[in-house]
Amino acid sequence: MERKLLVGVLGNPGSGKSKTWDELFGHKVHTGKKMRTLELNGVKIPVFLINESPLERRTKLEYILPDNDPQIVISSFLYHKDVKSNFDFFVKHGYEIYVQWLNPGFSDVNDKALFYSDGIINYLMACGATVSVKNGKHMPELRVGELKNFVYAWYISQNKLL
């Protein structure tokens, strides 16, 4: 069975989710209907990008993703009590999950308790996800560098390119 990876950025509106993907690809990007290529260290890696989160788009993942499950999906996620259903989709489809949570506590005045009452991070970790907390307002190249290293190492190991 082919292993699959979800790379997510979780945050409130304005937390730096889109800026992360713009920095990753080196230009402004939008969700498309086709796979795109992310070139890292000379290796061309096919990925599917969901720039605006499904909750912000008010659209189910099934309508955004291509018919066949891409090996690597890169997606924004809105920090909202219903975000678990989005992650659940990827868990049920066998994806390994890596998430950067941007700016927890900075602008979640109304949603501050989500971490505790809805257990979003605990849920992700129980699913085996890797979760890191980042400042989305400061030096995006640092957090994007971490994403690049993770995706590159994962892709190389899965596709036995070294």
N, C-alpha and C. Protein backbone atom coordinates (compact mmCIF):
# COMPACT_ATOMS: atom_id res chain seq x y z
N MET A 1 0.83 -1.18 0.00
CA MET A 1 0.00 0.00 0.00
C MET A 1 0.88 1.25 0.00
N GLU A 2 0.57 2.17 -0.91
CA GLU A 2 1.34 3.41 -0.98
C GLU A 2 1.04 4.29 0.23
N ARG A 3 2.09 4.79 0.84
CA ARG A 3 1.92 5.69 1.97
C ARG A 3 1.61 7.08 1.44
N LYS A 4 0.82 7.83 2.22
CA LYS A 4 0.41 9.17 1.82
C LYS A 4 0.68 10.14 2.96
N LEU A 5 0.85 11.40 2.60
CA LEU A 5 1.20 12.42 3.58
C LEU A 5 0.30 13.64 3.43
N LEU A 6 -0.21 14.13 4.55
CA LEU A 6 -0.90 15.41 4.62
C LEU A 6 0.02 16.37 5.37
N VAL A 7 0.32 17.49 4.74
CA VAL A 7 1.06 18.56 5.40
C VAL A 7 0.07 19.69 5.57
N GLY A 8 -0.24 20.02 6.82
CA GLY A 8 -1.25 21.04 7.09
C GLY A 8 -0.71 22.21 7.87
N VAL A 9 -1.36 23.35 7.65
CA VAL A 9 -1.11 24.53 8.46
C VAL A 9 -2.45 24.91 9.07
N LEU A 10 -2.49 24.94 10.39
CA LEU A 10 -3.71 25.19 11.15
C LEU A 10 -3.63 26.58 11.77
N GLY A 11 -4.67 27.39 11.56
CA GLY A 11 -4.66 28.72 12.17
C GLY A 11 -5.93 29.49 11.89
N ASN A 12 -6.06 30.59 12.59
CA ASN A 12 -7.19 31.50 12.39
C ASN A 12 -6.98 32.30 11.12
N PRO A 13 -8.02 32.99 10.63
CA PRO A 13 -7.83 33.89 9.48
C PRO A 13 -6.73 34.90 9.80
N GLY A 14 -5.85 35.14 8.85
CA GLY A 14 -4.77 36.10 9.03
C GLY A 14 -3.57 35.58 9.81
N SER A 15 -3.53 34.30 10.12
CA SER A 15 -2.43 33.76 10.93
C SER A 15 -1.16 33.48 10.12
N GLY A 16 -1.27 33.44 8.79
CA GLY A 16 -0.09 33.18 7.97
C GLY A 16 -0.17 31.91 7.15
N LYS A 17 -1.34 31.31 7.04
CA LYS A 17 -1.48 30.05 6.30
C LYS A 17 -1.12 30.24 4.82
N SER A 18 -1.75 31.20 4.16
CA SER A 18 -1.47 31.43 2.73
C SER A 18 -0.04 31.90 2.52
N LYS A 19 0.46 32.73 3.41
CA LYS A 19 1.85 33.20 3.32
C LYS A 19 2.82 32.01 3.35
N THR A 20 2.47 31.00 4.13
CA THR A 20 3.30 29.80 4.20
C THR A 20 3.41 29.14 2.83
N TRP A 21 2.27 28.97 2.14
CA TRP A 21 2.30 28.31 0.83
C TRP A 21 2.96 29.19 -0.23
N ASP A 22 2.75 30.51 -0.16
CA ASP A 22 3.42 31.41 -1.10
C ASP A 22 4.93 31.30 -0.95
N GLU A 23 5.39 31.24 0.28
CA GLU A 23 6.83 31.10 0.55
C GLU A 23 7.33 29.73 0.09
N LEU A 24 6.55 28.69 0.33
CA LEU A 24 6.95 27.34 -0.06
C LEU A 24 7.15 27.22 -1.56
N PHE A 25 6.23 27.78 -2.34
CA PHE A 25 6.30 27.67 -3.80
C PHE A 25 7.08 28.81 -4.45
N GLY A 26 7.40 29.84 -3.69
CA GLY A 26 8.18 30.94 -4.23
C GLY A 26 7.37 31.97 -5.00
N HIS A 27 6.05 31.87 -4.95
CA HIS A 27 5.16 32.83 -5.60
C HIS A 27 3.75 32.66 -5.04
N LYS A 28 2.87 33.60 -5.35
CA LYS A 28 1.48 33.51 -4.87
C LYS A 28 0.81 32.30 -5.50
N VAL A 29 0.15 31.50 -4.65
CA VAL A 29 -0.50 30.27 -5.14
C VAL A 29 -1.96 30.23 -4.68
N HIS A 30 -2.74 29.51 -5.47
CA HIS A 30 -4.16 29.29 -5.16
C HIS A 30 -4.45 27.82 -5.32
N THR A 31 -5.53 27.37 -4.69
CA THR A 31 -5.97 25.99 -4.88
C THR A 31 -6.32 25.79 -6.34
N GLY A 32 -5.89 24.68 -6.88
CA GLY A 32 -6.23 24.35 -8.26
C GLY A 32 -6.90 23.00 -8.31
N LYS A 33 -7.17 22.56 -9.49
CA LYS A 33 -7.77 21.24 -9.68
C LYS A 33 -6.73 20.20 -10.08
N LYS A 34 -5.51 20.64 -10.31
CA LYS A 34 -4.47 19.74 -10.80
C LYS A 34 -3.32 19.64 -9.80
N MET A 35 -2.59 18.58 -9.95
CA MET A 35 -1.37 18.41 -9.17
C MET A 35 -0.38 19.49 -9.60
N ARG A 36 0.51 19.85 -8.71
CA ARG A 36 1.59 20.78 -9.04
C ARG A 36 2.90 20.18 -8.57
N THR A 37 3.97 20.76 -9.03
CA THR A 37 5.29 20.25 -8.68
C THR A 37 5.96 21.18 -7.68
N LEU A 38 6.46 20.58 -6.62
CA LEU A 38 7.25 21.29 -5.62
C LEU A 38 8.68 20.78 -5.79
N GLU A 39 9.59 21.66 -6.19
CA GLU A 39 10.96 21.23 -6.39
C GLU A 39 11.79 21.54 -5.15
N LEU A 40 12.35 20.48 -4.56
CA LEU A 40 13.15 20.61 -3.36
C LEU A 40 14.47 19.88 -3.57
N ASN A 41 15.56 20.58 -3.42
CA ASN A 41 16.90 20.00 -3.58
C ASN A 41 17.05 19.27 -4.91
N GLY A 42 16.47 19.83 -5.96
CA GLY A 42 16.57 19.24 -7.28
C GLY A 42 15.61 18.08 -7.55
N VAL A 43 14.79 17.73 -6.57
CA VAL A 43 13.82 16.64 -6.72
C VAL A 43 12.45 17.25 -6.97
N LYS A 44 11.78 16.80 -8.02
CA LYS A 44 10.44 17.29 -8.34
C LYS A 44 9.41 16.40 -7.66
N ILE A 45 8.67 17.01 -6.73
CA ILE A 45 7.73 16.27 -5.89
C ILE A 45 6.31 16.68 -6.27
N PRO A 46 5.49 15.72 -6.71
CA PRO A 46 4.10 16.06 -7.03
C PRO A 46 3.27 16.23 -5.76
N VAL A 47 2.55 17.35 -5.68
CA VAL A 47 1.72 17.64 -4.52
C VAL A 47 0.39 18.22 -4.99
N PHE A 48 -0.61 18.12 -4.12
CA PHE A 48 -1.88 18.79 -4.37
C PHE A 48 -2.06 19.83 -3.28
N LEU A 49 -2.32 21.08 -3.66
CA LEU A 49 -2.42 22.20 -2.73
C LEU A 49 -3.87 22.61 -2.51
N ILE A 50 -4.24 22.77 -1.24
CA ILE A 50 -5.51 23.39 -0.86
C ILE A 50 -5.13 24.64 -0.07
N ASN A 51 -5.12 25.79 -0.75
CA ASN A 51 -4.64 27.01 -0.12
C ASN A 51 -5.66 27.58 0.85
N GLU A 52 -6.89 27.73 0.45
CA GLU A 52 -7.92 28.23 1.36
C GLU A 52 -8.58 27.02 2.01
N SER A 53 -8.67 27.03 3.32
CA SER A 53 -9.16 25.85 4.04
C SER A 53 -10.58 25.46 3.62
N PRO A 54 -10.88 24.16 3.67
CA PRO A 54 -12.23 23.71 3.32
C PRO A 54 -13.32 24.40 4.15
N LEU A 55 -13.08 24.65 5.43
CA LEU A 55 -14.09 25.32 6.26
C LEU A 55 -14.30 26.77 5.80
N GLU A 56 -13.22 27.46 5.42
CA GLU A 56 -13.37 28.83 4.94
C GLU A 56 -14.08 28.86 3.59
N ARG A 57 -13.86 27.83 2.79
CA ARG A 57 -14.52 27.73 1.48
C ARG A 57 -15.93 27.17 1.58
N ARG A 58 -16.26 26.62 2.76
CA ARG A 58 -17.55 25.96 2.98
C ARG A 58 -17.78 24.87 1.94
N THR A 59 -16.72 24.09 1.75
CA THR A 59 -16.74 23.03 0.74
C THR A 59 -16.17 21.76 1.35
N LYS A 60 -16.76 20.64 1.04
CA LYS A 60 -16.25 19.36 1.52
C LYS A 60 -14.96 19.00 0.78
N LEU A 61 -14.07 18.33 1.49
CA LEU A 61 -12.80 17.91 0.89
C LEU A 61 -13.01 17.05 -0.36
N GLU A 62 -14.04 16.25 -0.37
CA GLU A 62 -14.31 15.37 -1.52
C GLU A 62 -14.49 16.16 -2.80
N TYR A 63 -14.97 17.40 -2.68
CA TYR A 63 -15.20 18.23 -3.87
C TYR A 63 -13.96 19.02 -4.27
N ILE A 64 -12.99 19.12 -3.38
CA ILE A 64 -11.77 19.86 -3.66
C ILE A 64 -10.68 18.94 -4.21
N LEU A 65 -10.53 17.78 -3.60
CA LEU A 65 -9.46 16.85 -3.97
C LEU A 65 -9.75 16.15 -5.30
N PRO A 66 -8.70 15.76 -6.02
CA PRO A 66 -8.92 14.97 -7.23
C PRO A 66 -9.49 13.60 -6.87
N ASP A 67 -10.00 12.89 -7.87
CA ASP A 67 -10.65 11.59 -7.63
C ASP A 67 -9.72 10.57 -6.98
N ASN A 68 -8.48 10.52 -7.44
CA ASN A 68 -7.53 9.59 -6.81
C ASN A 68 -6.80 10.33 -5.70
N ASP A 69 -6.54 9.63 -4.61
CA ASP A 69 -5.86 10.25 -3.47
C ASP A 69 -4.42 10.60 -3.86
N PRO A 70 -4.06 11.89 -3.85
CA PRO A 70 -2.67 12.25 -4.12
C PRO A 70 -1.75 11.70 -3.02
N GLN A 71 -0.51 11.40 -3.38
CA GLN A 71 0.43 10.90 -2.39
C GLN A 71 0.71 11.97 -1.33
N ILE A 72 0.81 13.24 -1.76
CA ILE A 72 1.07 14.33 -0.82
C ILE A 72 0.03 15.43 -1.04
N VAL A 73 -0.67 15.78 0.04
CA VAL A 73 -1.60 16.90 0.04
C VAL A 73 -1.05 17.95 0.99
N ILE A 74 -1.05 19.19 0.52
CA ILE A 74 -0.62 20.33 1.33
C ILE A 74 -1.87 21.19 1.50
N SER A 75 -2.26 21.45 2.76
CA SER A 75 -3.55 22.11 2.97
C SER A 75 -3.56 23.07 4.15
N SER A 76 -4.35 24.13 3.99
CA SER A 76 -4.65 25.04 5.10
C SER A 76 -5.85 24.50 5.85
N PHE A 77 -5.87 24.74 7.17
CA PHE A 77 -7.00 24.34 8.01
C PHE A 77 -7.35 25.49 8.94
N LEU A 78 -8.63 25.84 8.98
CA LEU A 78 -9.11 26.88 9.86
C LEU A 78 -9.21 26.34 11.28
N TYR A 79 -8.69 27.11 12.24
CA TYR A 79 -8.77 26.72 13.65
C TYR A 79 -10.20 26.94 14.10
N HIS A 80 -10.98 25.88 14.07
CA HIS A 80 -12.42 25.93 14.32
C HIS A 80 -12.84 24.59 14.91
N LYS A 81 -13.89 24.59 15.70
CA LYS A 81 -14.31 23.35 16.35
C LYS A 81 -14.66 22.24 15.36
N ASP A 82 -15.02 22.57 14.13
CA ASP A 82 -15.38 21.56 13.14
C ASP A 82 -14.20 21.05 12.31
N VAL A 83 -13.00 21.54 12.60
CA VAL A 83 -11.84 21.14 11.80
C VAL A 83 -11.51 19.66 11.95
N LYS A 84 -11.92 19.05 13.05
CA LYS A 84 -11.65 17.62 13.25
C LYS A 84 -12.20 16.79 12.10
N SER A 85 -13.36 17.17 11.56
CA SER A 85 -13.93 16.39 10.45
C SER A 85 -13.03 16.45 9.22
N ASN A 86 -12.34 17.57 9.00
CA ASN A 86 -11.40 17.65 7.89
C ASN A 86 -10.22 16.71 8.11
N PHE A 87 -9.65 16.75 9.31
CA PHE A 87 -8.53 15.85 9.60
C PHE A 87 -8.99 14.40 9.57
N ASP A 88 -10.19 14.16 10.04
CA ASP A 88 -10.73 12.80 10.06
C ASP A 88 -10.79 12.21 8.64
N PHE A 89 -11.11 13.02 7.67
CA PHE A 89 -11.14 12.58 6.27
C PHE A 89 -9.78 11.99 5.89
N PHE A 90 -8.71 12.70 6.23
CA PHE A 90 -7.36 12.25 5.87
C PHE A 90 -6.95 11.02 6.68
N VAL A 91 -7.33 10.98 7.94
CA VAL A 91 -7.04 9.80 8.76
C VAL A 91 -7.71 8.57 8.14
N LYS A 92 -8.98 8.69 7.77
CA LYS A 92 -9.72 7.57 7.18
C LYS A 92 -9.17 7.14 5.82
N HIS A 93 -8.50 8.07 5.13
CA HIS A 93 -7.91 7.76 3.83
C HIS A 93 -6.44 7.34 3.95
N GLY A 94 -5.97 7.11 5.18
CA GLY A 94 -4.65 6.54 5.39
C GLY A 94 -3.48 7.49 5.28
N TYR A 95 -3.70 8.76 5.48
CA TYR A 95 -2.61 9.73 5.39
C TYR A 95 -1.86 9.84 6.71
N GLU A 96 -0.55 9.95 6.62
CA GLU A 96 0.26 10.38 7.75
C GLU A 96 0.07 11.89 7.82
N ILE A 97 0.12 12.46 9.02
CA ILE A 97 -0.20 13.88 9.16
C ILE A 97 0.92 14.64 9.86
N TYR A 98 1.28 15.76 9.24
CA TYR A 98 2.22 16.72 9.82
C TYR A 98 1.52 18.07 9.80
N VAL A 99 1.41 18.73 10.97
CA VAL A 99 0.69 20.00 11.07
C VAL A 99 1.53 21.04 11.78
N GLN A 100 1.56 22.24 11.20
CA GLN A 100 2.09 23.40 11.90
C GLN A 100 0.89 24.23 12.37
N TRP A 101 0.83 24.46 13.67
CA TRP A 101 -0.24 25.27 14.26
C TRP A 101 0.31 26.68 14.42
N LEU A 102 -0.30 27.64 13.72
CA LEU A 102 0.20 29.01 13.71
C LEU A 102 -0.48 29.89 14.75
N ASN A 103 0.32 30.58 15.51
CA ASN A 103 -0.11 31.63 16.43
C ASN A 103 -1.17 31.23 17.45
N PRO A 104 -1.03 30.11 18.11
CA PRO A 104 -2.06 29.78 19.11
C PRO A 104 -2.10 30.84 20.20
N GLY A 105 -3.32 31.28 20.52
CA GLY A 105 -3.49 32.26 21.58
C GLY A 105 -3.39 33.71 21.15
N PHE A 106 -2.90 33.99 19.92
CA PHE A 106 -2.73 35.37 19.49
C PHE A 106 -4.06 36.01 19.10
N SER A 107 -4.89 35.30 18.36
CA SER A 107 -6.14 35.91 17.92
C SER A 107 -7.32 34.96 18.10
N ASP A 108 -7.18 34.01 19.00
CA ASP A 108 -8.27 33.07 19.20
C ASP A 108 -9.11 33.45 20.42
N VAL A 109 -9.38 34.71 20.60
CA VAL A 109 -10.12 35.16 21.77
C VAL A 109 -11.42 34.39 21.92
N ASN A 110 -12.17 34.24 20.84
CA ASN A 110 -13.44 33.53 20.92
C ASN A 110 -13.25 32.01 20.91
N ASP A 111 -12.14 31.54 20.39
CA ASP A 111 -11.92 30.10 20.24
C ASP A 111 -10.83 29.58 21.17
N LYS A 112 -10.45 30.36 22.17
CA LYS A 112 -9.32 30.01 23.03
C LYS A 112 -9.47 28.62 23.64
N ALA A 113 -10.68 28.25 23.96
CA ALA A 113 -10.90 26.98 24.66
C ALA A 113 -10.88 25.77 23.73
N LEU A 114 -10.80 25.97 22.41
CA LEU A 114 -10.82 24.84 21.49
C LEU A 114 -9.72 23.83 21.80
N PHE A 115 -8.56 24.33 22.17
CA PHE A 115 -7.45 23.44 22.46
C PHE A 115 -7.84 22.48 23.58
N TYR A 116 -8.54 23.00 24.58
CA TYR A 116 -8.90 22.19 25.74
C TYR A 116 -10.25 21.50 25.57
N SER A 117 -11.30 22.28 25.27
CA SER A 117 -12.65 21.70 25.26
C SER A 117 -12.87 20.77 24.08
N ASP A 118 -12.34 21.10 22.92
CA ASP A 118 -12.55 20.26 21.75
C ASP A 118 -11.34 19.37 21.45
N GLY A 119 -10.25 19.61 22.11
CA GLY A 119 -9.10 18.72 22.03
C GLY A 119 -8.53 18.50 20.64
N ILE A 120 -8.48 19.56 19.83
CA ILE A 120 -8.02 19.40 18.45
C ILE A 120 -6.60 18.86 18.39
N ILE A 121 -5.71 19.42 19.16
CA ILE A 121 -4.32 18.98 19.12
C ILE A 121 -4.20 17.58 19.71
N ASN A 122 -4.90 17.32 20.80
CA ASN A 122 -4.87 15.97 21.38
C ASN A 122 -5.41 14.96 20.39
N TYR A 123 -6.46 15.32 19.66
CA TYR A 123 -7.03 14.44 18.64
C TYR A 123 -5.97 14.12 17.57
N LEU A 124 -5.29 15.16 17.09
CA LEU A 124 -4.26 14.95 16.06
C LEU A 124 -3.16 14.03 16.57
N MET A 125 -2.70 14.28 17.76
CA MET A 125 -1.62 13.47 18.31
C MET A 125 -2.07 12.03 18.54
N ALA A 126 -3.33 11.83 18.93
CA ALA A 126 -3.87 10.48 19.11
C ALA A 126 -3.93 9.74 17.77
N CYS A 127 -4.03 10.50 16.68
CA CYS A 127 -4.04 9.90 15.34
C CYS A 127 -2.62 9.67 14.81
N GLY A 128 -1.62 9.98 15.64
CA GLY A 128 -0.24 9.78 15.24
C GLY A 128 0.37 10.95 14.50
N ALA A 129 -0.31 12.09 14.48
CA ALA A 129 0.19 13.27 13.76
C ALA A 129 1.39 13.87 14.47
N THR A 130 2.23 14.50 13.68
CA THR A 130 3.29 15.34 14.21
C THR A 130 2.76 16.76 14.20
N VAL A 131 2.80 17.43 15.35
CA VAL A 131 2.27 18.78 15.47
C VAL A 131 3.38 19.69 16.00
N SER A 132 3.59 20.82 15.31
CA SER A 132 4.53 21.81 15.81
C SER A 132 3.82 23.16 15.88
N VAL A 133 4.23 23.99 16.81
CA VAL A 133 3.63 25.30 17.02
C VAL A 133 4.60 26.34 16.49
N LYS A 134 4.09 27.24 15.65
CA LYS A 134 4.94 28.25 15.02
C LYS A 134 4.31 29.63 15.12
N ASN A 135 5.15 30.65 15.04
CA ASN A 135 4.70 32.03 14.95
C ASN A 135 4.54 32.36 13.46
N GLY A 136 3.31 32.47 13.00
CA GLY A 136 3.04 32.74 11.60
C GLY A 136 3.31 34.18 11.19
N LYS A 137 3.61 35.02 12.14
CA LYS A 137 3.85 36.44 11.85
C LYS A 137 5.34 36.77 11.73
N HIS A 138 6.19 35.82 12.02
CA HIS A 138 7.61 36.11 12.09
C HIS A 138 8.41 35.18 11.20
N MET A 139 9.20 35.72 10.30
CA MET A 139 10.16 34.99 9.46
C MET A 139 9.58 33.69 8.89
N PRO A 140 8.71 33.79 7.90
CA PRO A 140 8.10 32.58 7.33
C PRO A 140 9.12 31.60 6.76
N GLU A 141 10.27 32.10 6.33
CA GLU A 141 11.26 31.19 5.74
C GLU A 141 11.75 30.12 6.72
N LEU A 142 11.69 30.41 8.03
CA LEU A 142 12.12 29.42 9.02
C LEU A 142 11.13 28.26 9.12
N ARG A 143 9.83 28.59 9.26
CA ARG A 143 8.84 27.52 9.36
C ARG A 143 8.67 26.79 8.03
N VAL A 144 8.82 27.52 6.93
CA VAL A 144 8.72 26.89 5.61
C VAL A 144 9.94 26.00 5.37
N GLY A 145 11.09 26.40 5.86
CA GLY A 145 12.28 25.55 5.76
C GLY A 145 12.05 24.22 6.47
N GLU A 146 11.39 24.26 7.61
CA GLU A 146 11.05 23.03 8.34
C GLU A 146 10.10 22.16 7.51
N LEU A 147 9.10 22.79 6.88
CA LEU A 147 8.18 22.05 6.02
C LEU A 147 8.91 21.41 4.85
N LYS A 148 9.79 22.17 4.22
CA LYS A 148 10.55 21.65 3.08
C LYS A 148 11.37 20.43 3.48
N ASN A 149 12.06 20.54 4.60
CA ASN A 149 12.88 19.42 5.07
C ASN A 149 12.04 18.19 5.35
N PHE A 150 10.88 18.39 5.97
CA PHE A 150 10.01 17.26 6.29
C PHE A 150 9.49 16.59 5.02
N VAL A 151 8.96 17.39 4.09
CA VAL A 151 8.41 16.84 2.85
C VAL A 151 9.49 16.14 2.04
N TYR A 152 10.64 16.77 1.92
CA TYR A 152 11.74 16.18 1.15
C TYR A 152 12.16 14.84 1.74
N ALA A 153 12.41 14.81 3.04
CA ALA A 153 12.85 13.56 3.69
C ALA A 153 11.79 12.48 3.57
N TRP A 154 10.52 12.84 3.76
CA TRP A 154 9.43 11.86 3.66
C TRP A 154 9.35 11.32 2.24
N TYR A 155 9.38 12.19 1.25
CA TYR A 155 9.25 11.78 -0.15
C TYR A 155 10.42 10.89 -0.59
N ILE A 156 11.60 11.30 -0.23
CA ILE A 156 12.81 10.52 -0.58
C ILE A 156 12.72 9.13 0.04
N SER A 157 12.33 9.06 1.31
CA SER A 157 12.27 7.74 1.97
C SER A 157 11.17 6.85 1.38
N GLN A 158 10.04 7.43 1.01
CA GLN A 158 8.93 6.65 0.46
C GLN A 158 9.20 6.16 -0.95
N ASN A 159 9.91 6.96 -1.70
CA ASN A 159 10.15 6.65 -3.11
C ASN A 159 11.55 6.09 -3.36
N LYS A 160 12.27 5.84 -2.27
CA LYS A 160 13.60 5.22 -2.32
C LYS A 160 14.50 5.85 -3.37
N LEU A 161 14.62 7.21 -3.27
CA LEU A 161 15.41 7.94 -4.24
C LEU A 161 16.86 8.10 -3.84
N LEU A 162 17.21 7.77 -2.62
CA LEU A 162 18.62 7.88 -2.20
C LEU A 162 19.24 6.52 -2.06
